[in-house]
N, C-alpha and C. Protein backbone atom coordinates (compact mmCIF):
# COMPACT_ATOMS: atom_id res chain seq x y z
N MET A 1 -24.48 -17.24 -13.16
CA MET A 1 -23.63 -17.01 -14.49
C MET A 1 -23.39 -15.60 -13.91
N THR A 2 -24.49 -14.25 -13.19
CA THR A 2 -24.20 -12.78 -13.50
C THR A 2 -23.31 -13.09 -11.64
N HIS A 3 -23.78 -13.55 -11.10
CA HIS A 3 -22.93 -13.33 -9.43
C HIS A 3 -22.10 -13.67 -10.28
N PHE A 4 -21.44 -14.97 -10.94
CA PHE A 4 -19.80 -15.60 -11.20
C PHE A 4 -19.13 -13.84 -11.84
N SER A 5 -19.38 -13.33 -12.67
CA SER A 5 -19.65 -12.04 -13.81
C SER A 5 -18.68 -11.23 -12.68
N ARG A 6 -20.25 -10.88 -11.73
CA ARG A 6 -19.96 -10.46 -10.46
C ARG A 6 -18.57 -10.26 -9.66
N THR A 7 -18.76 -11.17 -9.61
CA THR A 7 -17.60 -11.90 -8.23
C THR A 7 -16.33 -11.58 -8.62
N ARG A 8 -16.52 -11.64 -10.57
CA ARG A 8 -14.93 -11.42 -10.89
C ARG A 8 -14.40 -9.77 -11.20
N VAL A 9 -15.35 -9.23 -11.45
CA VAL A 9 -15.77 -7.65 -12.00
C VAL A 9 -15.49 -6.74 -10.93
N ALA A 10 -16.35 -6.96 -10.03
CA ALA A 10 -16.24 -6.45 -8.79
C ALA A 10 -14.58 -6.31 -7.90
N PRO A 11 -13.96 -7.05 -7.80
CA PRO A 11 -12.66 -6.77 -7.50
C PRO A 11 -11.76 -6.07 -8.62
N LEU A 12 -12.15 -5.97 -9.52
CA LEU A 12 -11.37 -5.71 -10.58
C LEU A 12 -11.65 -4.31 -11.03
N THR A 13 -12.71 -3.69 -10.44
CA THR A 13 -13.34 -2.31 -10.93
C THR A 13 -13.23 -1.58 -9.70
N VAL A 14 -13.03 -2.53 -7.94
CA VAL A 14 -12.85 -1.73 -6.86
C VAL A 14 -10.96 -1.21 -6.70
N SER A 15 -10.18 -2.19 -7.19
CA SER A 15 -8.99 -1.98 -7.26
C SER A 15 -8.07 -1.37 -7.74
N LEU A 16 -8.50 -0.70 -9.47
CA LEU A 16 -8.29 -0.06 -10.45
C LEU A 16 -8.99 1.12 -10.23
N GLY A 17 -9.58 1.21 -9.59
CA GLY A 17 -10.52 2.35 -9.10
C GLY A 17 -9.06 3.01 -8.39
N ILE A 18 -9.43 2.59 -7.02
CA ILE A 18 -8.76 2.83 -5.92
C ILE A 18 -7.02 2.93 -6.36
N GLY A 19 -6.57 2.93 -7.23
CA GLY A 19 -5.26 3.06 -7.90
C GLY A 19 -5.54 4.53 -8.97
N ALA A 20 -6.64 4.80 -9.54
CA ALA A 20 -6.76 5.44 -9.90
C ALA A 20 -7.02 7.31 -9.15
N LEU A 21 -7.79 6.73 -8.22
CA LEU A 21 -8.10 8.02 -6.96
C LEU A 21 -6.21 8.08 -6.54
N ILE A 22 -5.45 7.61 -6.44
CA ILE A 22 -4.43 7.21 -5.45
C ILE A 22 -3.58 8.36 -6.64
N GLY A 23 -3.77 7.88 -7.83
CA GLY A 23 -2.83 8.77 -8.52
C GLY A 23 -3.22 10.40 -8.96
N LEU A 24 -4.91 10.54 -8.87
CA LEU A 24 -5.39 11.46 -8.95
C LEU A 24 -5.38 12.76 -7.69
N ALA A 25 -5.03 11.64 -6.74
CA ALA A 25 -4.80 13.01 -5.07
C ALA A 25 -3.70 13.29 -4.73
N GLY A 26 -2.19 12.89 -5.87
CA GLY A 26 -1.74 13.19 -5.34
C GLY A 26 -1.29 15.00 -6.02
N PRO A 27 -1.53 15.19 -7.40
CA PRO A 27 -1.66 16.43 -8.18
C PRO A 27 -2.78 17.48 -6.99
N ILE A 28 -3.64 16.51 -7.47
CA ILE A 28 -5.23 17.47 -6.24
C ILE A 28 -4.18 17.86 -5.33
N THR A 29 -3.55 17.00 -4.04
CA THR A 29 -3.41 18.37 -3.27
C THR A 29 -2.30 19.17 -3.36
N GLU A 30 -2.01 18.65 -4.44
CA GLU A 30 -0.04 19.93 -4.55
C GLU A 30 -1.19 21.06 -4.72
N LYS A 31 -2.64 21.27 -5.17
CA LYS A 31 -3.23 22.50 -5.65
C LYS A 31 -3.25 23.78 -4.47
N TRP A 32 -3.35 23.11 -3.46
CA TRP A 32 -3.82 24.28 -2.03
C TRP A 32 -2.01 23.66 -0.91
N ASP A 33 -2.26 24.80 0.10
CA ASP A 33 -0.66 24.99 0.47
C ASP A 33 -1.07 24.92 1.89
N ASN A 34 -2.20 24.58 2.44
CA ASN A 34 -3.04 24.68 3.79
C ASN A 34 -1.67 23.41 4.28
N PRO A 35 -1.75 22.78 5.53
CA PRO A 35 -0.87 22.05 6.37
C PRO A 35 -1.53 20.65 5.98
N VAL A 36 -2.37 20.44 5.79
CA VAL A 36 -3.82 19.21 5.64
C VAL A 36 -3.14 18.44 3.96
N CYS A 37 -3.45 19.63 3.63
CA CYS A 37 -3.25 18.84 1.76
C CYS A 37 -1.46 18.72 1.48
N VAL A 38 -1.06 19.81 2.43
CA VAL A 38 0.64 19.28 2.10
C VAL A 38 0.98 17.85 2.75
N SER A 39 0.39 18.13 3.89
CA SER A 39 0.63 16.47 4.85
C SER A 39 0.49 15.20 3.84
N LEU A 40 -1.11 15.55 3.25
CA LEU A 40 -1.16 14.42 2.16
C LEU A 40 -0.77 14.08 0.91
N ASN A 41 -0.58 15.19 0.62
CA ASN A 41 0.76 15.41 -0.56
C ASN A 41 1.75 14.54 -0.19
N VAL A 42 2.45 14.71 0.87
CA VAL A 42 3.29 13.95 1.13
C VAL A 42 3.33 12.28 1.63
N VAL A 43 2.00 12.42 1.98
CA VAL A 43 1.64 10.63 2.21
C VAL A 43 2.02 10.13 0.72
N LEU A 44 0.84 10.79 -0.08
CA LEU A 44 0.50 10.18 -1.61
C LEU A 44 1.80 10.23 -2.41
N SER A 45 2.70 11.35 -2.04
CA SER A 45 3.76 11.05 -2.83
C SER A 45 5.21 10.00 -2.72
N ASP A 46 4.68 9.64 -1.49
CA ASP A 46 5.81 8.59 -0.90
C ASP A 46 5.72 7.36 -1.85
N GLY A 47 6.78 6.46 -2.06
CA GLY A 47 6.50 5.50 -2.83
C GLY A 47 5.86 4.54 -1.47
N TRP A 48 6.28 4.13 -0.42
CA TRP A 48 5.73 3.29 0.25
C TRP A 48 4.07 3.39 0.39
N ALA A 49 3.56 4.30 0.21
CA ALA A 49 1.69 4.40 -0.34
C ALA A 49 1.78 3.54 -1.26
N TRP A 50 2.71 4.13 -1.96
CA TRP A 50 2.49 2.75 -3.30
C TRP A 50 2.53 1.76 -3.65
N VAL A 51 3.43 1.43 -2.71
CA VAL A 51 3.84 -0.23 -1.80
C VAL A 51 2.27 -0.57 -1.25
N CYS A 52 2.49 0.25 -0.84
CA CYS A 52 1.10 -0.14 0.78
C CYS A 52 -0.36 -0.93 -0.39
N TYR A 53 -0.42 -0.02 -1.41
CA TYR A 53 -1.86 0.06 -2.52
C TYR A 53 -1.60 -1.28 -3.23
N ALA A 54 -0.49 -1.50 -3.74
CA ALA A 54 -0.24 -2.94 -4.41
C ALA A 54 0.05 -4.32 -3.50
N PHE A 55 0.17 -4.14 -2.59
CA PHE A 55 0.69 -4.95 -1.10
C PHE A 55 -0.70 -5.39 -0.66
N LEU A 56 -1.92 -4.06 -0.42
CA LEU A 56 -3.34 -4.24 -0.20
C LEU A 56 -4.13 -5.46 -0.94
N VAL A 57 -4.06 -4.72 -2.12
CA VAL A 57 -4.66 -5.74 -3.83
C VAL A 57 -4.22 -7.34 -3.76
N GLY A 58 -3.07 -7.24 -3.73
CA GLY A 58 -2.57 -8.46 -3.40
C GLY A 58 -3.11 -9.23 -2.16
N TYR A 59 -2.85 -8.78 -1.02
CA TYR A 59 -3.97 -9.30 0.14
C TYR A 59 -5.00 -9.65 -0.08
N CYS A 60 -5.73 -9.11 -0.31
CA CYS A 60 -6.95 -9.19 -0.68
C CYS A 60 -8.12 -10.27 -2.07
N ALA A 61 -6.64 -10.22 -2.74
CA ALA A 61 -7.16 -10.96 -4.21
C ALA A 61 -6.86 -12.42 -3.64
N ARG A 62 -7.88 -13.08 -4.41
CA ARG A 62 -8.15 -14.87 -4.35
C ARG A 62 -6.71 -16.09 -4.65
N SER A 63 -6.29 -15.04 -5.65
CA SER A 63 -4.52 -16.11 -5.76
C SER A 63 -3.67 -15.36 -6.20
N LYS A 64 -2.83 -15.75 -6.68
CA LYS A 64 -1.66 -15.18 -6.54
C LYS A 64 -1.39 -14.41 -8.03
N ALA A 65 -1.81 -15.38 -8.50
CA ALA A 65 -2.00 -14.66 -10.18
C ALA A 65 -2.91 -13.30 -10.45
N ARG A 66 -3.90 -13.51 -9.64
CA ARG A 66 -4.72 -12.29 -9.37
C ARG A 66 -4.52 -11.01 -8.94
N ALA A 67 -3.71 -11.49 -7.96
CA ALA A 67 -2.53 -10.12 -7.12
C ALA A 67 -1.75 -9.96 -8.07
N ALA A 68 -0.78 -10.56 -8.55
CA ALA A 68 -0.25 -9.79 -9.33
C ALA A 68 -0.61 -9.01 -10.45
N LEU A 69 -1.49 -9.61 -11.16
CA LEU A 69 -2.04 -8.72 -12.41
C LEU A 69 -3.04 -7.58 -12.04
N LEU A 70 -4.24 -7.66 -10.55
CA LEU A 70 -4.90 -6.40 -10.25
C LEU A 70 -3.78 -5.14 -9.72
N SER A 71 -2.58 -5.84 -9.09
CA SER A 71 -1.45 -4.56 -8.21
C SER A 71 -0.75 -4.01 -9.63
N SER A 72 -0.23 -4.61 -10.50
CA SER A 72 0.57 -4.27 -11.33
C SER A 72 -0.85 -3.09 -12.44
N LEU A 73 -1.79 -3.50 -12.60
CA LEU A 73 -2.81 -2.58 -13.58
C LEU A 73 -2.77 -1.75 -12.67
N GLY A 74 -3.10 -1.74 -11.32
CA GLY A 74 -3.75 -0.97 -10.59
C GLY A 74 -2.72 0.68 -10.23
N LEU A 75 -1.60 0.08 -10.28
CA LEU A 75 -0.15 0.87 -9.98
C LEU A 75 0.11 1.89 -11.30
N ALA A 76 0.00 1.72 -12.28
CA ALA A 76 0.55 1.73 -13.63
C ALA A 76 -1.02 2.89 -14.11
N ILE A 77 -2.25 2.27 -13.88
CA ILE A 77 -2.93 3.44 -13.78
C ILE A 77 -3.07 4.30 -12.91
N GLY A 78 -3.05 4.12 -12.00
CA GLY A 78 -2.40 4.92 -10.81
C GLY A 78 -1.59 6.44 -11.39
N VAL A 79 -0.26 5.84 -12.00
CA VAL A 79 0.35 6.57 -12.20
C VAL A 79 -0.12 7.14 -13.71
N VAL A 80 -0.84 6.70 -14.48
CA VAL A 80 -1.30 7.61 -15.95
C VAL A 80 -1.88 8.35 -15.47
N ALA A 81 -2.91 8.70 -14.27
CA ALA A 81 -3.89 9.21 -13.58
C ALA A 81 -3.11 10.08 -13.23
N TYR A 82 -2.00 10.46 -12.53
CA TYR A 82 -1.18 11.10 -12.02
C TYR A 82 -1.04 12.42 -12.91
N TYR A 83 0.19 11.77 -14.01
CA TYR A 83 0.50 12.71 -15.21
C TYR A 83 -0.27 13.19 -15.94
N VAL A 84 -1.29 12.64 -16.47
CA VAL A 84 -2.80 12.89 -17.11
C VAL A 84 -3.70 14.13 -16.31
N PHE A 85 -3.67 14.18 -15.33
CA PHE A 85 -4.10 15.33 -14.06
C PHE A 85 -3.10 16.44 -14.30
N LYS A 86 -2.10 16.03 -13.67
CA LYS A 86 -1.05 17.00 -13.16
C LYS A 86 -0.60 17.83 -14.17
N ASP A 87 -0.46 17.52 -15.77
CA ASP A 87 -0.39 17.72 -17.00
C ASP A 87 -0.87 18.94 -17.50
N LEU A 88 -2.19 18.39 -17.68
CA LEU A 88 -3.52 18.95 -17.88
C LEU A 88 -4.38 20.01 -17.53
N SER A 89 -3.85 19.43 -16.22
CA SER A 89 -4.46 20.91 -14.91
C SER A 89 -4.33 22.26 -14.95
N PRO A 90 -5.09 23.25 -15.43
CA PRO A 90 -4.99 24.47 -15.50
C PRO A 90 -4.49 25.35 -14.55
N THR A 91 -4.69 24.77 -13.14
CA THR A 91 -4.77 26.00 -12.12
C THR A 91 -3.82 25.55 -11.05
N SER A 92 -2.96 26.40 -10.17
CA SER A 92 -2.48 25.54 -9.15
C SER A 92 -3.04 25.98 -7.94
N SER A 93 -2.32 26.01 -6.30
CA SER A 93 -2.87 26.61 -5.34
C SER A 93 -3.22 28.00 -6.08
N ALA A 94 -4.61 28.54 -5.08
CA ALA A 94 -4.95 29.88 -4.97
C ALA A 94 -5.45 30.48 -6.15
N GLY A 95 -5.76 29.63 -7.05
CA GLY A 95 -6.52 29.62 -8.37
C GLY A 95 -5.06 30.08 -9.46
N LEU A 96 -3.93 30.20 -9.02
CA LEU A 96 -2.86 30.68 -10.04
C LEU A 96 -2.65 30.19 -11.06
N GLU A 97 -1.70 30.44 -11.99
CA GLU A 97 -1.69 29.62 -12.95
C GLU A 97 -0.66 29.14 -12.87
N SER A 98 -0.10 27.70 -12.83
CA SER A 98 0.23 26.69 -12.74
C SER A 98 1.82 26.90 -13.88
N GLY A 99 1.34 27.03 -14.35
CA GLY A 99 2.65 26.67 -15.71
C GLY A 99 2.56 25.75 -16.27
N ALA A 100 1.20 24.90 -16.26
CA ALA A 100 1.25 23.91 -17.11
C ALA A 100 1.28 23.96 -18.58
N THR A 101 1.74 22.86 -19.33
CA THR A 101 1.74 23.35 -20.87
C THR A 101 0.48 22.76 -21.33
N GLY A 102 -0.64 22.05 -20.50
CA GLY A 102 -1.43 21.48 -21.70
C GLY A 102 -0.89 20.22 -21.94
N GLU A 103 0.31 19.79 -21.96
CA GLU A 103 0.35 18.05 -22.92
C GLU A 103 0.96 17.54 -21.87
N VAL A 104 0.46 16.47 -21.84
CA VAL A 104 1.31 15.26 -20.97
C VAL A 104 2.53 14.73 -21.35
N ASN A 105 3.39 14.55 -20.39
CA ASN A 105 4.39 14.46 -20.37
C ASN A 105 4.32 12.69 -20.42
N TYR A 106 4.65 12.19 -22.10
CA TYR A 106 4.39 11.04 -21.85
C TYR A 106 5.99 10.61 -21.46
N SER A 107 7.28 11.06 -21.76
CA SER A 107 7.98 10.09 -21.60
C SER A 107 8.09 9.31 -19.98
N SER A 108 8.12 10.69 -19.13
CA SER A 108 7.84 10.18 -17.77
C SER A 108 6.53 9.22 -17.35
N MET A 109 5.58 9.38 -17.89
CA MET A 109 4.24 8.53 -17.75
C MET A 109 4.86 7.07 -18.36
N LEU A 110 5.19 7.49 -19.29
CA LEU A 110 5.60 5.59 -19.59
C LEU A 110 7.06 5.07 -18.93
N ALA A 111 7.79 5.64 -18.41
CA ALA A 111 8.79 5.13 -18.38
C ALA A 111 8.46 4.97 -16.42
N TRP A 112 7.83 5.69 -15.54
CA TRP A 112 7.28 5.25 -14.54
C TRP A 112 6.06 4.11 -13.88
N GLY A 113 5.11 4.29 -15.42
CA GLY A 113 4.29 3.54 -15.90
C GLY A 113 5.12 1.95 -15.74
N VAL A 114 6.05 1.71 -16.36
CA VAL A 114 6.41 0.27 -16.54
C VAL A 114 6.86 0.05 -15.72
N ALA A 115 7.28 1.15 -14.76
CA ALA A 115 8.15 0.67 -13.06
C ALA A 115 7.17 -0.03 -12.45
N ALA A 116 6.14 1.10 -12.47
CA ALA A 116 5.39 0.63 -11.52
C ALA A 116 4.41 -1.12 -11.68
N PHE A 117 4.22 -0.76 -13.29
CA PHE A 117 3.95 -2.22 -13.12
C PHE A 117 4.40 -3.33 -13.33
N ALA A 118 6.05 -3.48 -13.46
CA ALA A 118 6.90 -4.10 -13.03
C ALA A 118 6.95 -4.49 -11.36
N LEU A 119 6.95 -3.40 -10.87
CA LEU A 119 7.27 -3.48 -9.20
C LEU A 119 5.59 -4.20 -8.94
N GLY A 120 3.95 -3.70 -9.63
CA GLY A 120 2.90 -4.26 -8.55
C GLY A 120 3.12 -5.62 -9.13
N ALA A 121 3.59 -6.59 -9.58
CA ALA A 121 3.15 -7.72 -9.55
C ALA A 121 4.03 -8.67 -8.10
N PRO A 122 5.49 -8.37 -8.49
CA PRO A 122 6.22 -8.93 -7.07
C PRO A 122 5.53 -8.12 -5.35
N VAL A 123 5.03 -7.35 -5.71
CA VAL A 123 4.45 -6.41 -4.06
C VAL A 123 3.28 -7.36 -3.98
N GLY A 124 1.74 -7.67 -5.46
CA GLY A 124 1.22 -8.14 -4.58
C GLY A 124 1.13 -9.58 -4.59
N ILE A 125 2.34 -10.39 -5.04
CA ILE A 125 2.03 -11.61 -4.66
C ILE A 125 2.73 -11.34 -3.30
N LEU A 126 3.61 -10.85 -2.86
CA LEU A 126 4.09 -10.79 -1.54
C LEU A 126 2.45 -10.45 -0.16
N GLY A 127 1.66 -9.46 -1.17
CA GLY A 127 1.01 -9.83 -0.24
C GLY A 127 -0.35 -10.53 0.06
N ASN A 128 -0.33 -11.00 -1.00
CA ASN A 128 -0.88 -12.65 -1.17
C ASN A 128 -0.30 -13.71 -0.18
N LEU A 129 0.60 -13.47 -0.29
CA LEU A 129 1.40 -14.29 0.89
C LEU A 129 1.41 -13.93 2.13
N ALA A 130 0.89 -13.19 2.56
CA ALA A 130 1.01 -12.31 4.24
C ALA A 130 -0.02 -13.02 4.50
N ILE A 131 -1.35 -13.70 3.76
CA ILE A 131 -2.62 -14.24 3.92
C ILE A 131 -1.83 -14.87 5.07
N ILE A 132 -0.66 -16.17 5.03
CA ILE A 132 -0.44 -16.77 5.56
C ILE A 132 -0.42 -16.50 7.01
N PRO A 133 -1.18 -17.36 8.28
CA PRO A 133 -1.46 -16.61 9.39
C PRO A 133 0.06 -17.36 10.16
N SER A 134 -0.02 -16.86 11.16
CA SER A 134 0.67 -16.95 12.77
C SER A 134 2.02 -15.92 12.32
N LEU A 135 3.12 -16.92 12.37
CA LEU A 135 4.57 -16.69 12.39
C LEU A 135 4.76 -16.91 10.81
N GLY A 136 3.96 -17.69 10.36
CA GLY A 136 4.25 -18.09 8.97
C GLY A 136 4.37 -16.73 7.95
N GLY A 137 3.54 -15.90 8.16
CA GLY A 137 3.11 -14.56 7.24
C GLY A 137 3.90 -13.62 7.57
N LEU A 138 4.24 -13.64 8.91
CA LEU A 138 4.57 -12.62 9.60
C LEU A 138 5.97 -11.54 8.89
N SER A 139 6.71 -12.40 7.87
CA SER A 139 8.20 -11.65 7.46
C SER A 139 7.07 -11.12 6.28
N PHE A 140 6.20 -11.76 5.86
CA PHE A 140 5.58 -10.40 4.63
C PHE A 140 4.68 -9.41 4.90
N ARG A 141 4.03 -9.28 6.31
CA ARG A 141 2.96 -8.34 7.00
C ARG A 141 4.07 -7.53 6.89
N LEU A 142 5.23 -7.45 7.45
CA LEU A 142 5.99 -6.54 7.93
C LEU A 142 6.78 -5.56 6.83
N ILE A 143 6.53 -5.96 5.66
CA ILE A 143 7.21 -5.42 4.42
C ILE A 143 6.78 -3.81 4.23
N VAL A 144 5.36 -3.64 4.35
CA VAL A 144 4.96 -1.82 4.24
C VAL A 144 5.61 -1.39 5.29
N PRO A 145 5.24 -2.04 6.49
CA PRO A 145 6.31 -0.78 7.60
C PRO A 145 7.43 -0.88 7.76
N PHE A 146 8.72 -1.59 6.74
CA PHE A 146 9.92 -1.76 7.29
C PHE A 146 10.02 -0.48 5.85
N VAL A 147 9.39 -0.66 4.64
CA VAL A 147 9.88 0.14 3.91
C VAL A 147 9.45 1.76 3.81
N ALA A 148 7.90 1.82 4.90
CA ALA A 148 7.79 3.10 5.48
C ALA A 148 9.15 3.44 6.16
N ILE A 149 9.62 2.69 7.38
CA ILE A 149 10.57 3.33 8.05
C ILE A 149 11.39 3.94 7.27
N PHE A 150 11.82 2.99 6.27
CA PHE A 150 13.07 3.13 5.93
C PHE A 150 13.12 4.44 4.97
N GLU A 151 12.27 4.39 4.42
CA GLU A 151 11.72 5.63 3.28
C GLU A 151 11.88 6.89 4.01
N THR A 152 11.37 7.00 5.11
CA THR A 152 11.19 7.87 5.90
C THR A 152 12.35 8.71 6.71
N SER A 153 12.73 7.82 7.09
CA SER A 153 14.03 7.46 7.68
C SER A 153 15.08 8.87 7.01
N MET A 154 15.74 7.76 5.18
CA MET A 154 15.96 8.62 4.57
C MET A 154 15.68 10.12 3.98
N GLN A 155 14.53 10.21 4.08
CA GLN A 155 13.95 11.46 3.88
C GLN A 155 14.23 12.26 4.98
N LEU A 156 14.20 12.27 6.12
CA LEU A 156 14.83 12.91 7.16
C LEU A 156 15.82 12.84 7.50
N THR A 157 17.00 12.21 6.72
CA THR A 157 18.13 12.32 6.42
C THR A 157 19.15 13.50 5.65
N ALA A 158 18.31 12.95 4.53
CA ALA A 158 19.17 13.70 3.52
C ALA A 158 17.93 14.82 2.84
N GLU A 159 16.64 15.12 3.20
CA GLU A 159 15.81 16.16 2.62
C GLU A 159 15.00 17.00 3.50
N ALA A 160 15.35 16.44 4.60
CA ALA A 160 14.26 17.64 5.78
C ALA A 160 15.22 18.96 5.36
N GLU A 161 16.54 19.16 5.47
CA GLU A 161 16.50 20.36 5.60
C GLU A 161 16.11 21.35 4.68
N GLY A 162 15.45 22.58 5.13
CA GLY A 162 15.04 23.18 3.76
C GLY A 162 13.24 22.99 3.48
N GLN A 163 13.22 22.02 4.16
CA GLN A 163 11.82 22.00 3.87
C GLN A 163 10.71 22.73 5.17
N ARG A 164 9.81 22.76 4.66
CA ARG A 164 8.78 23.27 5.34
C ARG A 164 8.75 22.47 6.79
N ALA A 165 8.04 22.96 7.71
CA ALA A 165 8.18 21.67 9.35
C ALA A 165 7.09 21.05 9.15
N VAL A 166 5.83 21.33 8.20
CA VAL A 166 4.84 20.02 8.44
C VAL A 166 5.31 19.03 7.59
N VAL A 167 6.37 19.15 6.69
CA VAL A 167 6.69 17.92 5.98
C VAL A 167 7.67 17.11 6.92
N GLY A 168 8.71 17.78 7.54
CA GLY A 168 9.32 17.03 8.41
C GLY A 168 8.29 16.03 9.31
N ILE A 169 6.99 16.95 10.20
CA ILE A 169 6.70 16.57 11.40
C ILE A 169 5.75 15.19 10.66
N THR A 170 5.36 15.58 9.08
CA THR A 170 4.74 14.48 8.33
C THR A 170 5.46 12.95 8.47
N TRP A 171 6.46 13.05 8.25
CA TRP A 171 7.29 12.62 8.10
C TRP A 171 7.82 11.52 9.27
N ASN A 172 7.81 12.23 10.49
CA ASN A 172 7.76 11.59 11.65
C ASN A 172 6.70 10.77 12.19
N VAL A 173 5.67 11.20 12.00
CA VAL A 173 4.44 10.35 12.44
C VAL A 173 4.09 9.60 11.78
N ILE A 174 4.73 9.44 10.27
CA ILE A 174 4.68 7.74 9.49
C ILE A 174 5.45 7.01 10.01
N ARG A 175 6.85 7.26 10.55
CA ARG A 175 7.48 6.37 11.10
C ARG A 175 7.42 6.19 11.98
N PHE A 176 6.59 6.75 12.82
CA PHE A 176 6.18 6.52 14.33
C PHE A 176 4.94 5.37 13.97
N ILE A 177 3.70 5.90 13.00
CA ILE A 177 2.97 5.13 13.22
C ILE A 177 3.47 3.67 12.79
N ALA A 178 4.40 3.58 11.14
CA ALA A 178 5.10 1.88 10.62
C ALA A 178 5.25 1.06 11.77
N GLY A 179 6.38 1.88 13.08
CA GLY A 179 6.95 1.41 13.95
C GLY A 179 5.77 0.72 14.91
N ALA A 180 4.74 1.20 14.99
CA ALA A 180 4.04 0.66 15.92
C ALA A 180 2.63 -0.41 15.16
N VAL A 181 3.17 0.15 14.31
CA VAL A 181 2.35 -0.85 13.80
C VAL A 181 2.85 -2.44 13.22
N ALA A 182 4.32 -2.25 12.99
CA ALA A 182 5.18 -3.50 12.96
C ALA A 182 5.20 -4.28 14.00
N MET A 183 5.18 -3.32 15.41
CA MET A 183 4.75 -3.98 16.52
C MET A 183 3.93 -4.79 16.90
N ALA A 184 3.26 -3.75 16.36
CA ALA A 184 1.64 -4.60 16.73
C ALA A 184 1.47 -6.17 15.78
N LEU A 185 2.00 -6.04 14.73
CA LEU A 185 2.22 -7.43 14.08
C LEU A 185 2.60 -8.32 14.53
N VAL A 186 3.57 -8.02 14.99
CA VAL A 186 5.17 -8.47 16.15
C VAL A 186 4.11 -9.32 16.89
N LEU A 187 3.24 -8.75 17.40
CA LEU A 187 2.78 -9.51 19.06
C LEU A 187 1.82 -10.32 18.56
N HIS A 188 1.04 -9.77 17.69
CA HIS A 188 0.09 -10.58 17.17
C HIS A 188 0.09 -11.95 16.87
N ALA A 189 1.33 -11.93 15.87
CA ALA A 189 1.51 -13.06 15.58
C ALA A 189 2.33 -14.01 16.75
N ILE A 190 2.95 -13.62 17.70
CA ILE A 190 3.22 -14.45 18.77
C ILE A 190 2.25 -14.80 19.46
N TRP A 191 0.84 -14.13 19.86
CA TRP A 191 0.17 -14.54 20.35
C TRP A 191 -0.55 -15.35 20.19
N SER A 192 -1.07 -15.32 18.19
CA SER A 192 -1.58 -15.96 17.81
C SER A 192 -0.91 -17.91 17.69
N TRP A 193 0.33 -17.72 17.70
CA TRP A 193 0.85 -19.18 17.66
C TRP A 193 1.30 -19.19 19.07
N ARG A 194 1.17 -18.66 20.05
CA ARG A 194 0.97 -19.36 21.09
C ARG A 194 -0.35 -19.96 21.58
N HIS A 195 -1.36 -19.25 20.96
CA HIS A 195 -3.07 -19.27 21.13
C HIS A 195 -3.23 -20.71 20.05
N SER A 196 -2.26 -20.78 19.21
CA SER A 196 -2.60 -21.90 18.42
C SER A 196 -2.11 -22.95 18.94
N ARG A 197 -0.80 -23.11 19.91
CA ARG A 197 -0.67 -23.60 20.36
C ARG A 197 -1.10 -24.69 21.56
N ARG A 198 -1.54 -23.20 22.70
CA ARG A 198 -1.95 -24.09 23.44
C ARG A 198 -3.35 -24.83 22.99
N THR A 199 -4.35 -24.37 22.04
CA THR A 199 -5.68 -25.03 21.52
C THR A 199 -5.35 -26.31 21.16
N CYS A 200 -4.08 -26.61 20.11
CA CYS A 200 -3.64 -27.73 20.24
C CYS A 200 -3.60 -28.93 21.29
N SER A 201 -2.76 -28.16 21.88
CA SER A 201 -2.42 -29.09 23.30
C SER A 201 -3.60 -29.81 24.18
N ALA A 202 -4.29 -28.58 24.53
CA ALA A 202 -5.82 -28.99 24.81
C ALA A 202 -6.65 -30.11 24.36
N GLU A 203 -6.49 -29.51 23.08
CA GLU A 203 -7.24 -30.72 22.17
C GLU A 203 -6.63 -32.36 22.21
N LEU A 204 -5.25 -32.32 22.19
CA LEU A 204 -4.38 -33.68 22.23
C LEU A 204 -4.78 -33.69 23.58
N GLU A 205 -4.70 -33.22 24.95
CA GLU A 205 -5.05 -33.46 25.81
C GLU A 205 -6.38 -33.84 26.09
N ARG A 206 -7.29 -33.66 25.43
CA ARG A 206 -9.12 -34.09 25.77
C ARG A 206 -9.16 -35.38 24.97
N ARG A 207 -9.01 -35.33 24.36
CA ARG A 207 -8.57 -36.69 23.28
C ARG A 207 -7.85 -37.56 24.18
N ALA A 208 -6.78 -37.53 24.32
CA ALA A 208 -5.95 -38.51 25.13
C ALA A 208 -6.63 -39.02 26.57
N ARG A 209 -7.50 -38.22 27.00
CA ARG A 209 -8.21 -38.77 28.19
C ARG A 209 -9.74 -39.33 28.25
N SER A 210 -10.04 -38.76 27.11
CA SER A 210 -11.19 -39.63 26.37
C SER A 210 -11.09 -41.16 25.23
N GLY A 211 -9.37 -41.14 25.61
CA GLY A 211 -9.01 -42.42 25.01
C GLY A 211 -9.16 -42.46 23.46
N VAL A 212 -9.63 -41.51 22.64
CA VAL A 212 -9.40 -41.23 21.14
C VAL A 212 -7.98 -40.85 20.89
N SER A 213 -7.67 -42.07 19.99
CA SER A 213 -6.32 -41.55 18.96
C SER A 213 -6.07 -40.32 18.23
N PRO A 214 -5.14 -39.56 18.68
CA PRO A 214 -4.88 -38.43 17.87
C PRO A 214 -4.89 -38.26 16.61
N LEU A 215 -4.22 -39.67 15.92
CA LEU A 215 -4.57 -40.27 14.79
C LEU A 215 -5.42 -40.37 13.98
């Protein structure tokens, strides 16, 4: 009974804990102005990073129902953690006053929390479907890289002007890595498919030679 409880509680605790950490990491990295923190803030503030989190939660879940629930709860908790820490945090970079009012922006937190909860379920289910091996799950596994490529391309087109150089560099690096990951996923799926076909053909040939019916 104890082992059964742990197998259920552990994934819940880990997934929701990571969601809270992602939510906290955004406003924390805003407090420092060095290039590393700026880059981290760009990554953690982009929508694709939150999609990636929900997708991976769904990928690791044992069922579609659990994937949907954990992804939704994790994203919602991340949004709550983000707004609570950001609005109540009294300092900004270099220890200066941030202008925080000490009051949580409940309207924004509620709006984004509901949106995150609604988005989490379908993304989590798509992540769970990505478990399908070979070419069958390839389209699902490509979702996060394509979202990252699309979002960063839009940002570079519409928002790059006037931004610090490190922001544009970060977007370009994200887009390059996402493209490389997408290419690797495609090549791996093709290799797995061909390997599976060769293995199946070799097994059928072996059975035919030994006089064993493939049925």
